[in-house]
N, C-alpha and C. Protein backbone atom coordinates (compact mmCIF):
# COMPACT_ATOMS: atom_id res chain seq x y z
N MET A 1 21.38 -17.82 7.29
CA MET A 1 20.31 -16.81 6.68
C MET A 1 21.09 -15.46 7.10
N ARG A 2 20.75 -14.44 5.80
CA ARG A 2 21.20 -13.28 5.86
C ARG A 2 20.40 -12.37 6.66
N LYS A 3 21.05 -11.23 7.31
CA LYS A 3 20.13 -10.20 8.05
C LYS A 3 19.23 -9.65 7.25
N PRO A 4 17.88 -9.10 7.68
CA PRO A 4 17.23 -8.45 6.88
C PRO A 4 17.42 -7.13 6.91
N LYS A 5 17.12 -6.46 5.65
CA LYS A 5 17.66 -5.01 5.31
C LYS A 5 16.85 -4.29 6.43
N THR A 6 17.10 -2.85 6.77
CA THR A 6 16.36 -1.78 7.40
C THR A 6 15.83 -1.11 6.26
N GLU A 7 14.76 -0.30 6.12
CA GLU A 7 14.09 0.33 5.16
C GLU A 7 15.05 1.35 4.80
N GLU A 8 15.80 1.93 5.42
CA GLU A 8 17.04 2.72 4.79
C GLU A 8 17.59 1.93 3.81
N GLU A 9 18.44 0.92 4.35
CA GLU A 9 19.11 -0.15 3.23
C GLU A 9 18.59 -0.55 2.03
N SER A 10 17.38 -0.72 2.13
CA SER A 10 16.36 -1.15 1.06
C SER A 10 16.30 0.10 0.10
N TYR A 11 15.62 0.92 0.87
CA TYR A 11 15.65 2.46 0.09
C TYR A 11 17.06 2.68 -0.64
N LYS A 12 18.21 2.81 -0.09
CA LYS A 12 19.27 2.95 -0.89
C LYS A 12 19.64 2.00 -2.18
N SER A 13 19.21 0.69 -1.69
CA SER A 13 19.35 -0.35 -2.63
C SER A 13 18.72 -0.20 -3.76
N CYS A 14 17.45 0.47 -3.48
CA CYS A 14 16.26 0.71 -4.64
C CYS A 14 16.78 1.96 -5.63
N GLN A 15 17.19 2.69 -4.77
CA GLN A 15 17.81 4.03 -5.53
C GLN A 15 19.14 3.74 -6.59
N SER A 16 19.87 3.07 -5.90
CA SER A 16 21.06 2.66 -6.63
C SER A 16 20.73 1.74 -8.04
N GLY A 17 19.33 0.83 -7.59
CA GLY A 17 19.04 -0.03 -8.61
C GLY A 17 17.98 0.41 -9.59
N GLY A 18 17.83 1.99 -9.86
CA GLY A 18 16.94 2.10 -10.52
C GLY A 18 15.49 1.80 -10.42
N PHE A 19 15.10 1.53 -9.23
CA PHE A 19 13.74 0.85 -9.45
C PHE A 19 12.55 2.06 -8.90
N PHE A 20 13.00 3.41 -8.51
CA PHE A 20 12.30 4.27 -8.72
C PHE A 20 11.83 4.62 -10.09
N LYS A 21 10.55 5.22 -10.10
CA LYS A 21 10.40 5.95 -11.44
C LYS A 21 9.85 7.62 -11.04
N ASN A 22 10.22 8.51 -11.50
CA ASN A 22 10.11 9.88 -11.22
C ASN A 22 8.40 10.09 -12.27
N LEU A 23 7.23 10.69 -11.44
CA LEU A 23 6.18 11.16 -12.29
C LEU A 23 6.63 12.87 -12.79
N ARG A 24 5.92 13.20 -13.57
CA ARG A 24 5.98 14.56 -13.72
C ARG A 24 4.96 15.43 -13.35
N PHE A 25 4.04 14.87 -13.04
CA PHE A 25 2.85 15.20 -12.49
C PHE A 25 1.91 14.20 -11.47
N VAL A 26 1.08 15.16 -10.74
CA VAL A 26 0.19 14.11 -9.96
C VAL A 26 -0.93 14.14 -10.41
N ASN A 27 -1.45 12.88 -10.90
CA ASN A 27 -2.54 12.55 -11.56
C ASN A 27 -3.83 12.21 -10.70
N LYS A 28 -4.46 13.00 -10.17
CA LYS A 28 -5.41 12.84 -9.21
C LYS A 28 -6.42 11.88 -9.43
N GLU A 29 -6.79 11.85 -10.74
CA GLU A 29 -7.79 10.54 -11.27
C GLU A 29 -7.31 9.21 -11.14
N ARG A 30 -5.98 9.13 -11.22
CA ARG A 30 -5.22 8.00 -11.40
C ARG A 30 -5.20 7.63 -9.70
N VAL A 31 -5.09 8.48 -9.05
CA VAL A 31 -4.97 8.37 -7.60
C VAL A 31 -6.66 8.20 -6.96
N ARG A 32 -7.38 8.08 -7.36
CA ARG A 32 -8.81 8.14 -7.31
C ARG A 32 -9.26 6.64 -7.82
N SER A 33 -8.63 6.22 -8.88
CA SER A 33 -9.14 5.51 -9.45
C SER A 33 -8.54 3.69 -8.82
N LEU A 34 -7.48 4.24 -8.17
CA LEU A 34 -6.67 3.13 -7.57
C LEU A 34 -7.30 3.06 -6.04
N VAL A 35 -7.41 4.02 -5.68
CA VAL A 35 -8.47 4.03 -4.22
C VAL A 35 -9.41 3.15 -4.64
N ARG A 36 -10.44 3.47 -5.20
CA ARG A 36 -11.69 2.61 -5.68
C ARG A 36 -11.14 0.88 -5.76
N ASN A 37 -10.07 0.89 -6.73
CA ASN A 37 -9.61 -0.61 -6.90
C ASN A 37 -9.20 -1.03 -5.38
N ALA A 38 -8.60 -0.22 -4.38
CA ALA A 38 -8.16 -0.97 -3.26
C ALA A 38 -9.52 -1.15 -2.35
N ASP A 39 -10.59 -0.72 -2.28
CA ASP A 39 -11.66 -0.62 -1.81
C ASP A 39 -12.57 -1.68 -2.60
N THR A 40 -12.35 -1.75 -3.82
CA THR A 40 -13.01 -3.49 -4.35
C THR A 40 -12.32 -4.53 -3.83
N ASN A 41 -10.93 -4.57 -3.59
CA ASN A 41 -10.14 -5.71 -3.10
C ASN A 41 -10.80 -5.96 -1.48
N VAL A 42 -10.99 -5.04 -0.97
CA VAL A 42 -11.14 -4.96 0.71
C VAL A 42 -12.59 -5.53 0.54
N ASN A 43 -13.47 -4.96 -0.08
CA ASN A 43 -14.74 -5.46 -0.01
C ASN A 43 -15.11 -6.97 -0.59
N SER A 44 -14.17 -7.43 -1.39
CA SER A 44 -14.45 -8.71 -2.33
C SER A 44 -13.68 -9.45 -0.80
N ALA A 45 -12.85 -9.15 -0.42
CA ALA A 45 -12.39 -10.17 1.31
C ALA A 45 -13.24 -10.23 1.97
N LYS A 46 -13.61 -9.12 2.33
CA LYS A 46 -14.72 -9.15 3.34
C LYS A 46 -15.82 -10.12 3.16
N LYS A 47 -16.73 -10.05 1.93
CA LYS A 47 -17.13 -10.93 1.17
C LYS A 47 -17.07 -12.37 1.35
N LEU A 48 -15.66 -12.63 1.05
CA LEU A 48 -15.45 -13.79 0.88
C LEU A 48 -15.07 -14.55 2.44
N ALA A 49 -14.25 -13.53 3.23
CA ALA A 49 -14.51 -14.24 4.81
C ALA A 49 -15.62 -14.73 5.29
N GLU A 50 -16.76 -13.91 4.94
CA GLU A 50 -18.00 -14.05 5.65
C GLU A 50 -18.33 -16.08 5.49
N THR A 51 -17.72 -16.23 4.36
CA THR A 51 -18.41 -17.76 3.64
C THR A 51 -17.22 -18.70 4.16
N LEU A 52 -16.23 -18.26 4.73
CA LEU A 52 -15.15 -19.37 4.88
C LEU A 52 -15.21 -19.89 6.45
N SER A 53 -14.50 -21.16 6.47
CA SER A 53 -14.76 -21.86 7.66
C SER A 53 -13.20 -21.54 8.26
N LYS A 54 -12.91 -21.88 9.52
CA LYS A 54 -11.56 -21.48 9.98
C LYS A 54 -10.69 -22.15 9.05
N GLU A 55 -10.93 -23.58 8.62
CA GLU A 55 -9.93 -24.56 8.13
C GLU A 55 -9.89 -24.26 6.58
N ASP A 56 -10.53 -23.48 6.27
CA ASP A 56 -10.81 -23.29 4.64
C ASP A 56 -9.21 -22.79 4.24
N GLN A 57 -9.12 -23.25 2.98
CA GLN A 57 -7.65 -22.62 2.45
C GLN A 57 -8.08 -21.26 1.86
N GLY A 58 -9.58 -20.71 1.61
CA GLY A 58 -9.37 -19.50 1.19
C GLY A 58 -9.10 -18.19 1.78
N TRP A 59 -8.35 -18.21 3.05
CA TRP A 59 -7.99 -17.51 3.99
C TRP A 59 -6.68 -16.88 3.19
N MET A 60 -6.21 -17.61 2.63
CA MET A 60 -5.03 -17.11 1.48
C MET A 60 -5.63 -16.00 0.54
N ASN A 61 -6.65 -16.14 -0.06
CA ASN A 61 -7.22 -14.97 -0.83
C ASN A 61 -7.52 -13.64 0.12
N VAL A 62 -8.08 -13.85 1.17
CA VAL A 62 -8.03 -12.83 2.08
C VAL A 62 -7.41 -12.05 2.45
N TYR A 63 -6.18 -12.94 2.71
CA TYR A 63 -4.83 -12.53 2.87
C TYR A 63 -4.24 -11.36 1.59
N THR A 64 -4.22 -12.01 0.59
CA THR A 64 -3.87 -11.61 -0.83
C THR A 64 -4.33 -10.08 -1.13
N MET A 65 -5.44 -10.47 -0.97
CA MET A 65 -6.82 -9.27 -1.24
C MET A 65 -6.27 -8.22 -0.44
N HIS A 66 -6.15 -8.12 0.86
CA HIS A 66 -5.74 -7.04 1.49
C HIS A 66 -4.27 -6.76 1.20
N TYR A 67 -3.26 -7.44 0.85
CA TYR A 67 -2.00 -7.21 1.01
C TYR A 67 -1.94 -6.21 -0.52
N GLU A 68 -2.87 -6.69 -1.66
CA GLU A 68 -3.13 -5.77 -2.77
C GLU A 68 -3.24 -4.36 -2.55
N ALA A 69 -4.59 -4.30 -1.72
CA ALA A 69 -5.31 -3.00 -1.35
C ALA A 69 -4.30 -2.26 -0.49
N LEU A 70 -3.20 -2.88 0.44
CA LEU A 70 -2.46 -2.01 1.12
C LEU A 70 -1.66 -1.37 -0.25
N ARG A 71 -0.84 -2.33 -0.73
CA ARG A 71 0.09 -2.04 -1.81
C ARG A 71 -0.51 -1.16 -2.59
N ILE A 72 -1.57 -0.85 -3.17
CA ILE A 72 -2.40 -0.18 -4.11
C ILE A 72 -2.31 1.40 -3.38
N CYS A 73 -2.71 1.26 -2.05
CA CYS A 73 -3.13 2.55 -1.41
C CYS A 73 -1.71 3.38 -1.32
N ILE A 74 -0.75 2.59 -0.91
CA ILE A 74 0.78 2.96 -0.80
C ILE A 74 1.04 3.73 -2.16
N GLU A 75 0.71 3.15 -3.22
CA GLU A 75 0.95 3.39 -4.64
C GLU A 75 0.47 4.96 -4.97
N ALA A 76 -0.91 4.86 -4.54
CA ALA A 76 -1.37 6.32 -4.49
C ALA A 76 -0.90 7.31 -3.91
N LEU A 77 -0.76 6.95 -2.86
CA LEU A 77 -0.19 8.07 -1.71
C LEU A 77 1.34 8.40 -2.48
N MET A 78 2.05 7.49 -2.67
CA MET A 78 3.27 8.02 -3.55
C MET A 78 3.59 8.55 -4.78
N ILE A 79 2.15 8.83 -5.26
CA ILE A 79 1.96 9.64 -6.27
C ILE A 79 2.00 10.99 -6.15
N PHE A 80 1.53 11.53 -4.81
CA PHE A 80 1.77 13.08 -4.16
C PHE A 80 3.05 13.25 -4.34
N ASP A 81 4.07 12.08 -4.23
CA ASP A 81 5.36 12.35 -3.91
C ASP A 81 6.30 12.52 -5.48
N LYS A 82 5.39 12.03 -6.63
CA LYS A 82 5.65 11.92 -7.97
C LYS A 82 6.97 11.09 -8.36
N THR A 83 6.68 9.78 -7.29
CA THR A 83 7.40 8.66 -7.14
C THR A 83 6.56 7.53 -7.19
N VAL A 84 7.01 6.42 -7.97
CA VAL A 84 6.65 5.08 -8.12
C VAL A 84 7.46 3.84 -8.32
N SER A 85 7.19 2.76 -7.87
CA SER A 85 7.67 1.53 -7.99
C SER A 85 7.29 0.63 -8.48
N ASN A 86 7.68 -0.30 -9.09
CA ASN A 86 6.70 -1.70 -9.58
C ASN A 86 7.29 -2.79 -8.50
N ASN A 87 8.40 -2.58 -7.83
CA ASN A 87 8.71 -3.48 -6.55
C ASN A 87 8.38 -3.10 -5.44
N HIS A 88 7.59 -3.96 -4.85
CA HIS A 88 7.04 -3.72 -3.70
C HIS A 88 7.92 -3.73 -2.40
N GLU A 89 9.25 -4.12 -2.31
CA GLU A 89 10.17 -3.90 -1.41
C GLU A 89 10.47 -2.58 -1.25
N CYS A 90 10.63 -1.84 -2.65
CA CYS A 90 10.99 -0.64 -3.03
C CYS A 90 10.19 0.36 -2.46
N LEU A 91 8.71 0.17 -3.11
CA LEU A 91 7.51 0.97 -2.50
C LEU A 91 7.54 0.76 -1.29
N PHE A 92 7.68 -0.04 -0.55
CA PHE A 92 7.35 0.14 1.04
C PHE A 92 8.34 1.05 1.53
N ALA A 93 9.51 0.33 1.32
CA ALA A 93 10.99 1.42 1.68
C ALA A 93 10.27 2.86 1.38
N CYS A 94 10.01 3.42 0.32
CA CYS A 94 10.09 4.85 -0.08
C CYS A 94 8.87 5.36 0.80
N LEU A 95 8.02 4.50 1.38
CA LEU A 95 6.91 4.94 1.95
C LEU A 95 7.39 5.30 3.53
N CYS A 96 8.28 4.32 4.07
CA CYS A 96 8.42 4.33 5.43
C CYS A 96 9.57 5.38 5.52
N VAL A 97 10.74 5.69 4.43
CA VAL A 97 11.52 6.43 4.57
C VAL A 97 11.18 7.79 4.52
N ASN A 98 10.24 8.20 3.55
CA ASN A 98 9.92 9.55 3.13
C ASN A 98 8.54 10.03 4.05
N HIS A 99 8.15 9.04 4.68
CA HIS A 99 6.92 9.32 5.38
C HIS A 99 7.00 8.84 6.90
N PRO A 100 8.07 8.99 7.62
CA PRO A 100 8.09 8.60 9.08
C PRO A 100 7.05 9.36 9.98
N GLU A 101 6.38 10.50 9.73
CA GLU A 101 5.20 10.76 10.29
C GLU A 101 4.01 9.79 10.68
N LEU A 102 4.04 8.87 9.48
CA LEU A 102 2.99 7.80 9.68
C LEU A 102 3.33 6.71 10.55
N GLU A 103 4.39 6.62 11.24
CA GLU A 103 4.63 5.89 11.95
C GLU A 103 4.43 4.47 11.58
N PHE A 104 4.46 3.76 10.10
CA PHE A 104 4.47 2.80 9.72
C PHE A 104 5.55 1.55 10.42
N ASP A 105 5.17 0.43 10.40
CA ASP A 105 6.07 -0.53 10.66
C ASP A 105 6.95 -1.15 9.60
N TRP A 106 8.13 -1.17 9.60
CA TRP A 106 8.85 -1.58 8.40
C TRP A 106 8.82 -3.12 8.38
N ASN A 107 9.02 -3.44 9.55
CA ASN A 107 8.84 -5.23 9.70
C ASN A 107 7.77 -5.54 9.38
N PHE A 108 6.58 -4.81 9.75
CA PHE A 108 5.25 -5.67 9.28
C PHE A 108 5.37 -5.83 7.89
N PHE A 109 5.64 -4.52 7.19
CA PHE A 109 5.64 -4.83 5.65
C PHE A 109 6.61 -5.87 5.09
N GLU A 110 7.51 -6.15 5.76
CA GLU A 110 8.45 -7.09 5.38
C GLU A 110 7.63 -8.42 5.47
N LYS A 111 7.09 -8.45 6.60
CA LYS A 111 6.53 -9.67 7.05
C LYS A 111 5.72 -9.99 6.14
N ILE A 112 4.24 -9.38 5.80
CA ILE A 112 3.35 -9.30 4.64
C ILE A 112 4.26 -9.66 3.55
N ARG A 113 4.81 -8.90 2.75
CA ARG A 113 5.68 -9.41 1.52
C ARG A 113 6.34 -10.37 1.59
N THR A 114 6.91 -10.66 2.30
CA THR A 114 7.45 -12.20 2.18
C THR A 114 6.46 -13.19 2.21
N LYS A 115 5.56 -13.07 2.86
CA LYS A 115 4.28 -14.15 2.99
C LYS A 115 3.55 -14.00 1.68
N ARG A 116 3.31 -13.15 1.50
CA ARG A 116 2.63 -13.06 -0.08
C ARG A 116 3.71 -13.32 -1.41
N ASN A 117 4.94 -13.17 -1.17
CA ASN A 117 5.95 -13.96 -2.29
C ASN A 117 5.72 -15.46 -1.74
N GLY A 118 5.68 -15.86 -0.61
CA GLY A 118 5.92 -17.25 -0.21
C GLY A 118 4.46 -17.81 -1.09
N VAL A 119 3.44 -17.24 -0.97
CA VAL A 119 1.99 -17.80 -1.71
C VAL A 119 2.41 -17.52 -2.94
N ASN A 120 2.90 -16.58 -3.65
CA ASN A 120 2.60 -16.38 -5.12
C ASN A 120 4.04 -17.29 -5.54
N TYR A 121 4.67 -17.44 -5.22
CA TYR A 121 6.06 -18.00 -5.86
C TYR A 121 6.59 -19.37 -5.37
N TYR A 122 6.29 -19.66 -4.03
CA TYR A 122 6.55 -21.16 -3.33
C TYR A 122 5.31 -21.87 -3.05
N GLY A 123 4.20 -21.60 -3.31
CA GLY A 123 3.04 -22.42 -3.03
C GLY A 123 2.66 -22.55 -1.36
N GLU A 124 3.36 -21.43 -0.65
CA GLU A 124 2.64 -21.36 1.18
C GLU A 124 1.44 -21.07 0.75
N GLN A 125 0.71 -21.24 2.00
CA GLN A 125 -0.64 -21.19 2.42
C GLN A 125 -0.83 -20.27 3.58
N VAL A 126 -1.92 -20.01 3.76
CA VAL A 126 -2.18 -18.84 4.75
C VAL A 126 -3.36 -19.07 5.34
N SER A 127 -3.31 -19.34 7.01
CA SER A 127 -4.15 -19.91 7.44
C SER A 127 -5.17 -19.06 8.21
N TYR A 128 -6.43 -19.62 8.73
CA TYR A 128 -6.88 -18.16 9.44
C TYR A 128 -6.50 -17.52 10.57
N ASN A 129 -5.78 -18.27 11.43
CA ASN A 129 -4.73 -17.97 12.33
C ASN A 129 -3.73 -16.62 11.71
N GLU A 130 -3.01 -17.43 10.79
CA GLU A 130 -2.01 -16.15 10.21
C GLU A 130 -3.04 -15.02 9.64
N TRP A 131 -4.05 -15.25 9.41
CA TRP A 131 -4.97 -14.11 8.89
C TRP A 131 -5.07 -13.08 9.90
N LYS A 132 -5.33 -13.89 10.84
CA LYS A 132 -6.18 -12.95 12.16
C LYS A 132 -4.88 -12.13 12.72
N ALA A 133 -3.59 -12.75 12.53
CA ALA A 133 -2.57 -12.00 13.33
C ALA A 133 -2.08 -10.82 12.58
N VAL A 134 -2.65 -10.40 11.62
CA VAL A 134 -2.18 -9.61 10.83
C VAL A 134 -3.49 -8.57 10.43
N GLU A 135 -4.79 -8.60 10.31
CA GLU A 135 -5.96 -8.57 10.04
C GLU A 135 -5.84 -6.74 10.68
N LEU A 136 -5.99 -6.51 11.84
CA LEU A 136 -5.90 -5.45 12.46
C LEU A 136 -5.16 -4.64 11.92
N GLN A 137 -3.92 -5.31 11.60
CA GLN A 137 -2.99 -3.76 11.06
C GLN A 137 -2.93 -3.65 9.66
N PHE A 138 -3.27 -4.78 8.94
CA PHE A 138 -3.88 -4.09 7.74
C PHE A 138 -5.09 -3.10 7.40
N THR A 139 -6.06 -3.49 8.23
CA THR A 139 -7.22 -2.56 8.39
C THR A 139 -6.80 -0.91 8.76
N LEU A 140 -5.99 -0.88 9.87
CA LEU A 140 -5.38 0.41 10.41
C LEU A 140 -4.54 0.83 9.36
N TYR A 141 -3.73 0.25 8.87
CA TYR A 141 -3.22 0.88 7.70
C TYR A 141 -3.70 1.36 6.45
N ILE A 142 -4.60 0.57 5.89
CA ILE A 142 -5.01 1.10 4.93
C ILE A 142 -6.21 1.97 5.18
N SER A 143 -6.74 2.32 5.96
CA SER A 143 -7.60 3.44 6.93
C SER A 143 -6.59 4.69 6.88
N SER A 144 -5.54 4.93 7.28
CA SER A 144 -4.53 5.78 7.42
C SER A 144 -4.09 6.40 6.38
N LEU A 145 -3.73 5.23 5.46
CA LEU A 145 -3.27 5.73 3.83
C LEU A 145 -4.31 6.61 3.28
N LYS A 146 -5.57 5.73 3.27
CA LYS A 146 -6.77 6.56 2.66
C LYS A 146 -7.11 7.86 3.06
N LYS A 147 -6.71 7.76 4.22
CA LYS A 147 -7.49 9.30 5.15
C LYS A 147 -6.36 10.32 4.77
N GLY A 148 -4.90 9.86 4.58
CA GLY A 148 -3.94 10.88 3.91
C GLY A 148 -4.29 10.98 2.60
N ILE A 149 -4.70 10.01 1.82
CA ILE A 149 -4.75 10.38 0.34
C ILE A 149 -5.97 11.28 0.19
N ASN A 150 -7.03 11.05 1.03
CA ASN A 150 -8.07 12.01 0.79
C ASN A 150 -7.81 13.43 1.36
N GLU A 151 -6.83 13.63 2.85
CA GLU A 151 -6.36 14.70 2.84
C GLU A 151 -5.82 15.28 1.77
N ARG A 152 -4.61 14.73 1.15
CA ARG A 152 -4.12 15.34 -0.20
C ARG A 152 -4.84 15.67 -1.15
N LEU A 153 -6.17 14.96 -1.51
CA LEU A 153 -6.90 15.07 -2.54
C LEU A 153 -7.31 16.56 -2.44
N GLY A 154 -7.98 16.56 -1.05
CA GLY A 154 -8.48 17.99 -0.89
C GLY A 154 -7.88 19.37 -0.73
N GLU A 155 -6.66 18.97 -0.24
CA GLU A 155 -5.97 20.02 -0.10
C GLU A 155 -5.32 20.67 -2.02
N SER A 156 -5.34 19.49 -2.64
CA SER A 156 -4.59 19.71 -3.84
C SER A 156 -6.03 20.73 -4.92
N GLU A 157 -7.14 20.29 -4.43
CA GLU A 157 -8.37 20.37 -5.19
C GLU A 157 -8.55 22.30 -4.70
N GLU A 158 -8.17 22.24 -3.23
CA GLU A 158 -8.59 23.67 -2.87
C GLU A 158 -7.36 24.50 -3.36
N ASN A 159 -6.27 23.99 -3.42
CA ASN A 159 -5.32 24.94 -4.19
C ASN A 159 -5.33 25.11 -5.68
N GLU A 160 -5.88 24.18 -6.22
CA GLU A 160 -6.48 24.61 -7.80
C GLU A 160 -7.40 25.56 -7.94
N GLU A 161 -8.60 25.47 -7.01
CA GLU A 161 -9.87 26.30 -6.93
C GLU A 161 -8.99 27.82 -6.34
N THR A 162 -8.30 28.00 -5.48
CA THR A 162 -7.63 29.27 -5.21
C THR A 162 -6.91 29.94 -6.20
N ALA A 163 -6.19 28.88 -7.14
CA ALA A 163 -5.48 29.51 -7.99
C ALA A 163 -6.13 29.98 -9.36
N GLN A 164 -7.16 29.01 -9.60
CA GLN A 164 -8.15 29.72 -10.55
C GLN A 164 -8.92 31.03 -10.24
N ASN A 165 -9.47 31.18 -8.71
CA ASN A 165 -10.17 32.28 -8.45
C ASN A 165 -8.89 33.60 -8.61
N LYS A 166 -7.61 33.55 -8.34
CA LYS A 166 -6.75 34.30 -8.48
C LYS A 166 -6.53 34.77 -9.86
N ARG A 167 -6.69 33.72 -10.77
CA ARG A 167 -6.54 34.26 -12.07
C ARG A 167 -7.71 34.80 -12.66
N LYS A 168 -8.84 34.50 -12.12
CA LYS A 168 -10.17 35.36 -12.64
C LYS A 168 -10.17 36.89 -12.24
N THR A 169 -9.30 37.10 -11.14
CA THR A 169 -9.17 38.45 -10.59
C THR A 169 -8.44 39.26 -11.24
């Protein structure tokens, strides 16, 4: 079994592999739309969870909807850095390397990414207990990302207003 990569190793590999795309500008409408989509995933997952028994196989969907919401929020935040990636490992590495102030756990991202890949590509299942083991961290990370996004949206809008006011005077 090979040794897992650190976030720095993944980031460098993604850079050299050309997995990052640079954006020319910050599209705030795209950011807002992505956050709405993430909220839809979380809300749908919550509604589904209310209907499931602990033995139900539907916990896989609750898990993957939260994974997708988290990934979407990361993508939205990275737009402010004018960087995107379709590769989830690269997206997570970029977040961890470029935003250490958020204190996210790289190992958590690798754990949920490999589990999600197991579901999507190898037919793995997610049990109620597996979901409960990560639920709180999913919730905290999504909340933290949305807070950071909203702060940046507010700062961006404030800066635009200030610039417009300066042009008027």
